[in-house]
Amino acid sequence: MSLTLLTDKLWFPPADKATADGLLAIGGDLKQERLLLAYRSGIFPWFNDDEPPLWWCPDPRCVLIPEELYVSKSMQQLMKRNAFTVTFNKAFSTVIHLCGQTRKLKEGTWITKEIEKAYTRLHQQGYALSAEAWLDNELAGGLYGVRLGNVFFGESMFSKVSNASKYAFITLVQQLQKEGVVLIDCQIHTAHLESLGAKMISRKEFLAVVKANT
């Protein structure tokens, strides 16, 4: 299957044109209009610093239904004693930067300076948001993503202190549920996400929910 090479034209090919591993298109840009179109189409960018933008829509898709969030007994205990203070959108630029730095130290990162700038612009326009976990007034962990309508598209998280990002994630999901969010897009399956209640659904089902709620 041949991949679509994007130009300046603002569009994406149908999701079913993706390769077996979910790669749909190459090229284009990271302007706000294209990023928002991508998310509304169930597509996300994921590429290395030395690559052009790569656009993905895997099948199946890893998601979390807010009411299916699983909070372990150990996390329940941490939350009962308010182990961390959680804020929203207080330190977006720091969170996305630390997400990139943390991953770079481990296995490399797609959160390049270009990505940081693009998502900071989305944040300034009210589309991208962050959740921060603080310990003794120091940033201990956090995550960021994009919210469109009643869908939240999670992007990345980091922890400097054990359980900090998980604590922030749980708090964010609970808040989003109160606000009517019906789906958290986790993109790619990990054991960590599965431990929080995430599951795999078909791309068709995922796209139907996104279309109806963004």
C-alpha atoms as a PDB file:
ATOM      1  CA  MET A   1       0.000   0.000   0.000  1.00  0.00           C
ATOM      2  CA  SER A   2       1.435   3.402  -1.021  1.00  0.00           C
ATOM      3  CA  LEU A   3       1.482   6.211   1.534  1.00  0.00           C
ATOM      4  CA  THR A   4      -0.078   9.605   0.850  1.00  0.00           C
ATOM      5  CA  LEU A   5       2.400  12.481   0.612  1.00  0.00           C
ATOM      6  CA  LEU A   6       0.756  15.601   2.000  1.00  0.00           C
ATOM      7  CA  THR A   7       1.280  19.069   0.508  1.00  0.00           C
ATOM      8  CA  ASP A   8       0.052  22.483   1.645  1.00  0.00           C
ATOM      9  CA  LYS A   9      -3.496  21.386   0.905  1.00  0.00           C
ATOM     10  CA  LEU A  10      -5.436  20.942   4.145  1.00  0.00           C
ATOM     11  CA  TRP A  11      -6.740  17.380   4.037  1.00  0.00           C
ATOM     12  CA  PHE A  12      -6.051  13.785   5.061  1.00  0.00           C
ATOM     13  CA  PRO A  13      -6.797  10.537   3.218  1.00  0.00           C
ATOM     14  CA  PRO A  14      -9.461   8.204   4.640  1.00  0.00           C
ATOM     15  CA  ALA A  15      -8.299   6.301   7.730  1.00  0.00           C
ATOM     16  CA  ASP A  16      -8.750   2.931   6.033  1.00  0.00           C
ATOM     17  CA  LYS A  17      -5.857   3.837   3.720  1.00  0.00           C
ATOM     18  CA  ALA A  18      -3.419   3.410   6.626  1.00  0.00           C
ATOM     19  CA  THR A  19      -0.814   0.671   6.620  1.00  0.00           C
ATOM     20  CA  ALA A  20      -1.141  -2.358   8.897  1.00  0.00           C
ATOM     21  CA  ASP A  21       0.726  -0.541  11.660  1.00  0.00           C
ATOM     22  CA  GLY A  22      -1.432   2.562  11.316  1.00  0.00           C
ATOM     23  CA  LEU A  23       0.757   4.936   9.288  1.00  0.00           C
ATOM     24  CA  LEU A  24      -1.541   7.007   7.089  1.00  0.00           C
ATOM     25  CA  ALA A  25       0.373   9.915   5.552  1.00  0.00           C
ATOM     26  CA  ILE A  26       3.698  11.752   5.403  1.00  0.00           C
ATOM     27  CA  GLY A  27       4.466  15.454   5.215  1.00  0.00           C
ATOM     28  CA  GLY A  28       2.352  18.541   5.615  1.00  0.00           C
ATOM     29  CA  ASP A  29       2.874  20.849   8.571  1.00  0.00           C
ATOM     30  CA  LEU A  30       2.014  21.330  12.233  1.00  0.00           C
ATOM     31  CA  LYS A  31      -0.149  24.411  11.852  1.00  0.00           C
ATOM     32  CA  GLN A  32      -3.152  24.666  14.147  1.00  0.00           C
ATOM     33  CA  GLU A  33      -5.646  24.046  11.360  1.00  0.00           C
ATOM     34  CA  ARG A  34      -4.003  20.792  10.287  1.00  0.00           C
ATOM     35  CA  LEU A  35      -3.564  19.512  13.845  1.00  0.00           C
ATOM     36  CA  LEU A  36      -7.211  20.173  14.684  1.00  0.00           C
ATOM     37  CA  LEU A  37      -8.349  18.505  11.458  1.00  0.00           C
ATOM     38  CA  ALA A  38      -6.134  15.534  12.312  1.00  0.00           C
ATOM     39  CA  TYR A  39      -7.620  15.045  15.767  1.00  0.00           C
ATOM     40  CA  ARG A  40     -11.168  15.463  14.509  1.00  0.00           C
ATOM     41  CA  SER A  41     -10.320  12.758  11.968  1.00  0.00           C
ATOM     42  CA  GLY A  42      -8.860  10.429  14.618  1.00  0.00           C
ATOM     43  CA  ILE A  43      -5.306  11.015  13.378  1.00  0.00           C
ATOM     44  CA  PHE A  44      -2.226  12.039  15.360  1.00  0.00           C
ATOM     45  CA  PRO A  45       1.367  13.053  14.481  1.00  0.00           C
ATOM     46  CA  TRP A  46       4.255  10.900  15.683  1.00  0.00           C
ATOM     47  CA  PHE A  47       7.748  11.192  14.181  1.00  0.00           C
ATOM     48  CA  ASN A  48      11.403  11.649  15.029  1.00  0.00           C
ATOM     49  CA  ASP A  49      13.380  14.881  14.824  1.00  0.00           C
ATOM     50  CA  ASP A  50      15.068  13.903  11.545  1.00  0.00           C
ATOM     51  CA  GLU A  51      11.806  12.894   9.814  1.00  0.00           C
ATOM     52  CA  PRO A  52       8.994  14.781   8.097  1.00  0.00           C
ATOM     53  CA  PRO A  53       5.656  14.710   9.964  1.00  0.00           C
ATOM     54  CA  LEU A  54       4.195  11.208  10.055  1.00  0.00           C
ATOM     55  CA  TRP A  55       0.441  10.844  10.618  1.00  0.00           C
ATOM     56  CA  TRP A  56      -1.113   7.780  12.270  1.00  0.00           C
ATOM     57  CA  CYS A  57      -4.508   6.174  12.738  1.00  0.00           C
ATOM     58  CA  PRO A  58      -3.944   2.646  14.107  1.00  0.00           C
ATOM     59  CA  ASP A  59      -6.458  -0.169  14.207  1.00  0.00           C
ATOM     60  CA  PRO A  60      -7.319  -1.155  16.882  1.00  0.00           C
ATOM     61  CA  ARG A  61      -7.077   1.954  19.064  1.00  0.00           C
ATOM     62  CA  CYS A  62      -6.247   2.160  22.766  1.00  0.00           C
ATOM     63  CA  VAL A  63      -8.857   4.188  24.670  1.00  0.00           C
ATOM     64  CA  LEU A  64     -10.160   4.757  28.159  1.00  0.00           C
ATOM     65  CA  ILE A  65     -13.846   5.240  28.901  1.00  0.00           C
ATOM     66  CA  PRO A  66     -13.875   7.655  31.878  1.00  0.00           C
ATOM     67  CA  GLU A  67     -16.349   5.623  33.933  1.00  0.00           C
ATOM     68  CA  GLU A  68     -14.145   2.556  33.430  1.00  0.00           C
ATOM     69  CA  LEU A  69     -11.120   4.235  35.029  1.00  0.00           C
ATOM     70  CA  TYR A  70      -9.468   1.797  37.435  1.00  0.00           C
ATOM     71  CA  VAL A  71      -7.910   3.230  40.584  1.00  0.00           C
ATOM     72  CA  SER A  72      -5.860   0.655  42.493  1.00  0.00           C
ATOM     73  CA  LYS A  73      -6.039   0.415  46.267  1.00  0.00           C
ATOM     74  CA  SER A  74      -2.561   1.892  46.583  1.00  0.00           C
ATOM     75  CA  MET A  75      -3.559   4.879  44.440  1.00  0.00           C
ATOM     76  CA  GLN A  76      -6.795   5.262  46.401  1.00  0.00           C
ATOM     77  CA  GLN A  77      -4.720   5.543  49.554  1.00  0.00           C
ATOM     78  CA  LEU A  78      -2.488   8.192  47.989  1.00  0.00           C
ATOM     79  CA  MET A  79      -5.519  10.193  46.912  1.00  0.00           C
ATOM     80  CA  LYS A  80      -7.203   9.921  50.305  1.00  0.00           C
ATOM     81  CA  ARG A  81      -4.215  11.538  51.940  1.00  0.00           C
ATOM     82  CA  ASN A  82      -3.800  14.100  49.156  1.00  0.00           C
ATOM     83  CA  ALA A  83      -0.261  12.955  48.405  1.00  0.00           C
ATOM     84  CA  PHE A  84       0.028  15.460  45.535  1.00  0.00           C
ATOM     85  CA  THR A  85      -1.603  18.754  44.666  1.00  0.00           C
ATOM     86  CA  VAL A  86      -3.036  18.676  41.147  1.00  0.00           C
ATOM     87  CA  THR A  87      -3.541  21.736  38.973  1.00  0.00           C
ATOM     88  CA  PHE A  88      -4.716  22.174  35.391  1.00  0.00           C
ATOM     89  CA  ASN A  89      -3.014  24.389  32.803  1.00  0.00           C
ATOM     90  CA  LYS A  90      -0.696  26.000  35.337  1.00  0.00           C
ATOM     91  CA  ALA A  91       2.567  24.883  33.701  1.00  0.00           C
ATOM     92  CA  PHE A  92       1.769  23.635  30.200  1.00  0.00           C
ATOM     93  CA  SER A  93       5.084  24.660  28.603  1.00  0.00           C
ATOM     94  CA  THR A  94       7.080  23.030  31.383  1.00  0.00           C
ATOM     95  CA  VAL A  95       5.022  19.840  31.231  1.00  0.00           C
ATOM     96  CA  ILE A  96       5.411  19.311  27.477  1.00  0.00           C
ATOM     97  CA  HIS A  97       9.126  20.110  27.697  1.00  0.00           C
ATOM     98  CA  LEU A  98       9.684  17.633  30.529  1.00  0.00           C
ATOM     99  CA  CYS A  99       7.662  14.978  28.696  1.00  0.00           C
ATOM    100  CA  GLY A 100      10.100  15.336  25.821  1.00  0.00           C
ATOM    101  CA  GLN A 101      13.204  15.435  27.991  1.00  0.00           C
ATOM    102  CA  THR A 102      12.154  12.396  30.018  1.00  0.00           C
ATOM    103  CA  ARG A 103      11.528  10.301  26.911  1.00  0.00           C
ATOM    104  CA  LYS A 104      14.736  11.473  25.263  1.00  0.00           C
ATOM    105  CA  LEU A 105      16.737  10.110  28.184  1.00  0.00           C
ATOM    106  CA  LYS A 106      14.999   6.727  27.916  1.00  0.00           C
ATOM    107  CA  GLU A 107      14.403   5.851  24.278  1.00  0.00           C
ATOM    108  CA  GLY A 108      14.319   9.031  22.228  1.00  0.00           C
ATOM    109  CA  THR A 109      11.375  11.339  21.723  1.00  0.00           C
ATOM    110  CA  TRP A 110       8.995  12.667  19.106  1.00  0.00           C
ATOM    111  CA  ILE A 111       8.402  15.753  21.269  1.00  0.00           C
ATOM    112  CA  THR A 112      10.762  17.999  19.333  1.00  0.00           C
ATOM    113  CA  LYS A 113      11.065  21.777  19.590  1.00  0.00           C
ATOM    114  CA  GLU A 114       8.705  21.971  16.613  1.00  0.00           C
ATOM    115  CA  ILE A 115       6.132  19.850  18.451  1.00  0.00           C
ATOM    116  CA  GLU A 116       6.548  21.926  21.617  1.00  0.00           C
ATOM    117  CA  LYS A 117       5.885  25.140  19.702  1.00  0.00           C
ATOM    118  CA  ALA A 118       2.894  23.704  17.834  1.00  0.00           C
ATOM    119  CA  TYR A 119       1.157  22.356  20.932  1.00  0.00           C
ATOM    120  CA  THR A 120       1.941  25.468  22.959  1.00  0.00           C
ATOM    121  CA  ARG A 121       0.074  27.416  20.267  1.00  0.00           C
ATOM    122  CA  LEU A 122      -2.829  24.979  20.618  1.00  0.00           C
ATOM    123  CA  HIS A 123      -2.732  25.543  24.366  1.00  0.00           C
ATOM    124  CA  GLN A 124      -2.815  29.304  23.923  1.00  0.00           C
ATOM    125  CA  GLN A 125      -5.913  28.878  21.750  1.00  0.00           C
ATOM    126  CA  GLY A 126      -7.613  26.708  24.383  1.00  0.00           C
ATOM    127  CA  TYR A 127      -7.324  23.311  22.666  1.00  0.00           C
ATOM    128  CA  ALA A 128      -4.341  21.698  24.415  1.00  0.00           C
ATOM    129  CA  LEU A 129      -4.310  21.299  28.170  1.00  0.00           C
ATOM    130  CA  SER A 130      -2.079  19.998  30.916  1.00  0.00           C
ATOM    131  CA  ALA A 131      -2.457  18.450  34.343  1.00  0.00           C
ATOM    132  CA  GLU A 132       0.297  18.922  36.899  1.00  0.00           C
ATOM    133  CA  ALA A 133       1.075  17.032  40.111  1.00  0.00           C
ATOM    134  CA  TRP A 134       2.988  19.048  42.695  1.00  0.00           C
ATOM    135  CA  LEU A 135       4.888  17.910  45.780  1.00  0.00           C
ATOM    136  CA  ASP A 136       6.152  20.541  48.212  1.00  0.00           C
ATOM    137  CA  ASN A 137       5.568  23.204  45.544  1.00  0.00           C
ATOM    138  CA  GLU A 138       7.789  21.348  43.075  1.00  0.00           C
ATOM    139  CA  LEU A 139       6.483  19.874  39.807  1.00  0.00           C
ATOM    140  CA  ALA A 140       6.566  16.093  40.358  1.00  0.00           C
ATOM    141  CA  GLY A 141       4.759  14.859  37.261  1.00  0.00           C
ATOM    142  CA  GLY A 142       2.183  15.704  34.649  1.00  0.00           C
ATOM    143  CA  LEU A 143       0.643  15.101  31.255  1.00  0.00           C
ATOM    144  CA  TYR A 144      -0.756  16.983  28.301  1.00  0.00           C
ATOM    145  CA  GLY A 145      -3.194  16.398  25.492  1.00  0.00           C
ATOM    146  CA  VAL A 146      -5.826  17.957  23.252  1.00  0.00           C
ATOM    147  CA  ARG A 147      -9.506  18.336  24.052  1.00  0.00           C
ATOM    148  CA  LEU A 148     -12.092  18.731  21.324  1.00  0.00           C
ATOM    149  CA  GLY A 149     -15.698  18.672  22.429  1.00  0.00           C
ATOM    150  CA  ASN A 150     -16.217  15.653  24.645  1.00  0.00           C
ATOM    151  CA  VAL A 151     -13.100  13.736  23.606  1.00  0.00           C
ATOM    152  CA  PHE A 152      -9.659  14.118  25.183  1.00  0.00           C
ATOM    153  CA  PHE A 153      -6.678  13.010  23.107  1.00  0.00           C
ATOM    154  CA  GLY A 154      -3.842  12.139  25.485  1.00  0.00           C
ATOM    155  CA  GLU A 155      -0.329  12.798  24.198  1.00  0.00           C
ATOM    156  CA  SER A 156       2.357  12.171  26.816  1.00  0.00           C
ATOM    157  CA  MET A 157       3.150  12.152  30.524  1.00  0.00           C
ATOM    158  CA  PHE A 158       6.194  12.264  32.783  1.00  0.00           C
ATOM    159  CA  SER A 159       7.076  11.592  36.422  1.00  0.00           C
ATOM    160  CA  LYS A 160       9.917  12.855  38.565  1.00  0.00           C
ATOM    161  CA  VAL A 161       8.345  11.218  41.622  1.00  0.00           C
ATOM    162  CA  SER A 162       6.815   7.743  41.686  1.00  0.00           C
ATOM    163  CA  ASN A 163       3.059   7.743  40.894  1.00  0.00           C
ATOM    164  CA  ALA A 164       2.948  11.501  40.208  1.00  0.00           C
ATOM    165  CA  SER A 165       1.842  11.271  36.576  1.00  0.00           C
ATOM    166  CA  LYS A 166      -0.640   8.521  37.406  1.00  0.00           C
ATOM    167  CA  TYR A 167      -2.065  10.696  40.189  1.00  0.00           C
ATOM    168  CA  ALA A 168      -2.437  13.632  37.786  1.00  0.00           C
ATOM    169  CA  PHE A 169      -3.981  11.392  35.117  1.00  0.00           C
ATOM    170  CA  ILE A 170      -6.576   9.931  37.489  1.00  0.00           C
ATOM    171  CA  THR A 171      -7.508  13.386  38.755  1.00  0.00           C
ATOM    172  CA  LEU A 172      -7.803  14.715  35.198  1.00  0.00           C
ATOM    173  CA  VAL A 173      -9.972  11.823  34.019  1.00  0.00           C
ATOM    174  CA  GLN A 174     -12.307  12.282  36.993  1.00  0.00           C
ATOM    175  CA  GLN A 175     -12.599  15.991  36.213  1.00  0.00           C
ATOM    176  CA  LEU A 176     -13.174  15.399  32.498  1.00  0.00           C
ATOM    177  CA  GLN A 177     -15.897  12.882  33.316  1.00  0.00           C
ATOM    178  CA  LYS A 178     -17.685  15.550  35.368  1.00  0.00           C
ATOM    179  CA  GLU A 179     -17.460  17.848  32.349  1.00  0.00           C
ATOM    180  CA  GLY A 180     -19.066  15.303  30.028  1.00  0.00           C
ATOM    181  CA  VAL A 181     -16.042  13.834  28.260  1.00  0.00           C
ATOM    182  CA  VAL A 182     -16.964  10.372  26.957  1.00  0.00           C
ATOM    183  CA  LEU A 183     -13.647   9.100  25.600  1.00  0.00           C
ATOM    184  CA  ILE A 184      -9.932   9.387  26.394  1.00  0.00           C
ATOM    185  CA  ASP A 185      -7.754   8.539  23.398  1.00  0.00           C
ATOM    186  CA  CYS A 186      -4.615   6.748  24.587  1.00  0.00           C
ATOM    187  CA  GLN A 187      -3.397   6.082  21.030  1.00  0.00           C
ATOM    188  CA  ILE A 188      -1.046   3.139  21.592  1.00  0.00           C
ATOM    189  CA  HIS A 189      -1.485   0.290  24.072  1.00  0.00           C
ATOM    190  CA  THR A 190       0.844   0.061  27.051  1.00  0.00           C
ATOM    191  CA  ALA A 191       0.637  -2.087  30.168  1.00  0.00           C
ATOM    192  CA  HIS A 192       0.634   1.119  32.224  1.00  0.00           C
ATOM    193  CA  LEU A 193      -2.490   2.412  30.479  1.00  0.00           C
ATOM    194  CA  GLU A 194      -4.160  -0.984  30.663  1.00  0.00           C
ATOM    195  CA  SER A 195      -3.604  -0.982  34.430  1.00  0.00           C
ATOM    196  CA  LEU A 196      -5.701   2.199  34.577  1.00  0.00           C
ATOM    197  CA  GLY A 197      -8.585   0.648  32.664  1.00  0.00           C
ATOM    198  CA  ALA A 198      -7.668   1.372  29.055  1.00  0.00           C
ATOM    199  CA  LYS A 199      -8.780  -1.094  26.386  1.00  0.00           C
ATOM    200  CA  MET A 200      -8.586  -1.680  22.658  1.00  0.00           C
ATOM    201  CA  ILE A 201     -11.483  -0.877  20.333  1.00  0.00           C
ATOM    202  CA  SER A 202     -11.744  -1.004  16.554  1.00  0.00           C
ATOM    203  CA  ARG A 203     -10.764   2.021  14.513  1.00  0.00           C
ATOM    204  CA  LYS A 204     -14.279   2.134  13.089  1.00  0.00           C
ATOM    205  CA  GLU A 205     -15.812   2.347  16.561  1.00  0.00           C
ATOM    206  CA  PHE A 206     -13.256   4.917  17.659  1.00  0.00           C
ATOM    207  CA  LEU A 207     -13.850   7.161  14.649  1.00  0.00           C
ATOM    208  CA  ALA A 208     -17.613   6.999  15.141  1.00  0.00           C
ATOM    209  CA  VAL A 209     -17.290   8.231  18.720  1.00  0.00           C
ATOM    210  CA  VAL A 210     -14.873  10.998  17.709  1.00  0.00           C
ATOM    211  CA  LYS A 211     -17.164  12.154  14.895  1.00  0.00           C
ATOM    212  CA  ALA A 212     -20.176  12.279  17.196  1.00  0.00           C
ATOM    213  CA  ASN A 213     -18.426  14.111  20.031  1.00  0.00           C
ATOM    214  CA  THR A 214     -15.975  16.641  18.552  1.00  0.00           C
END
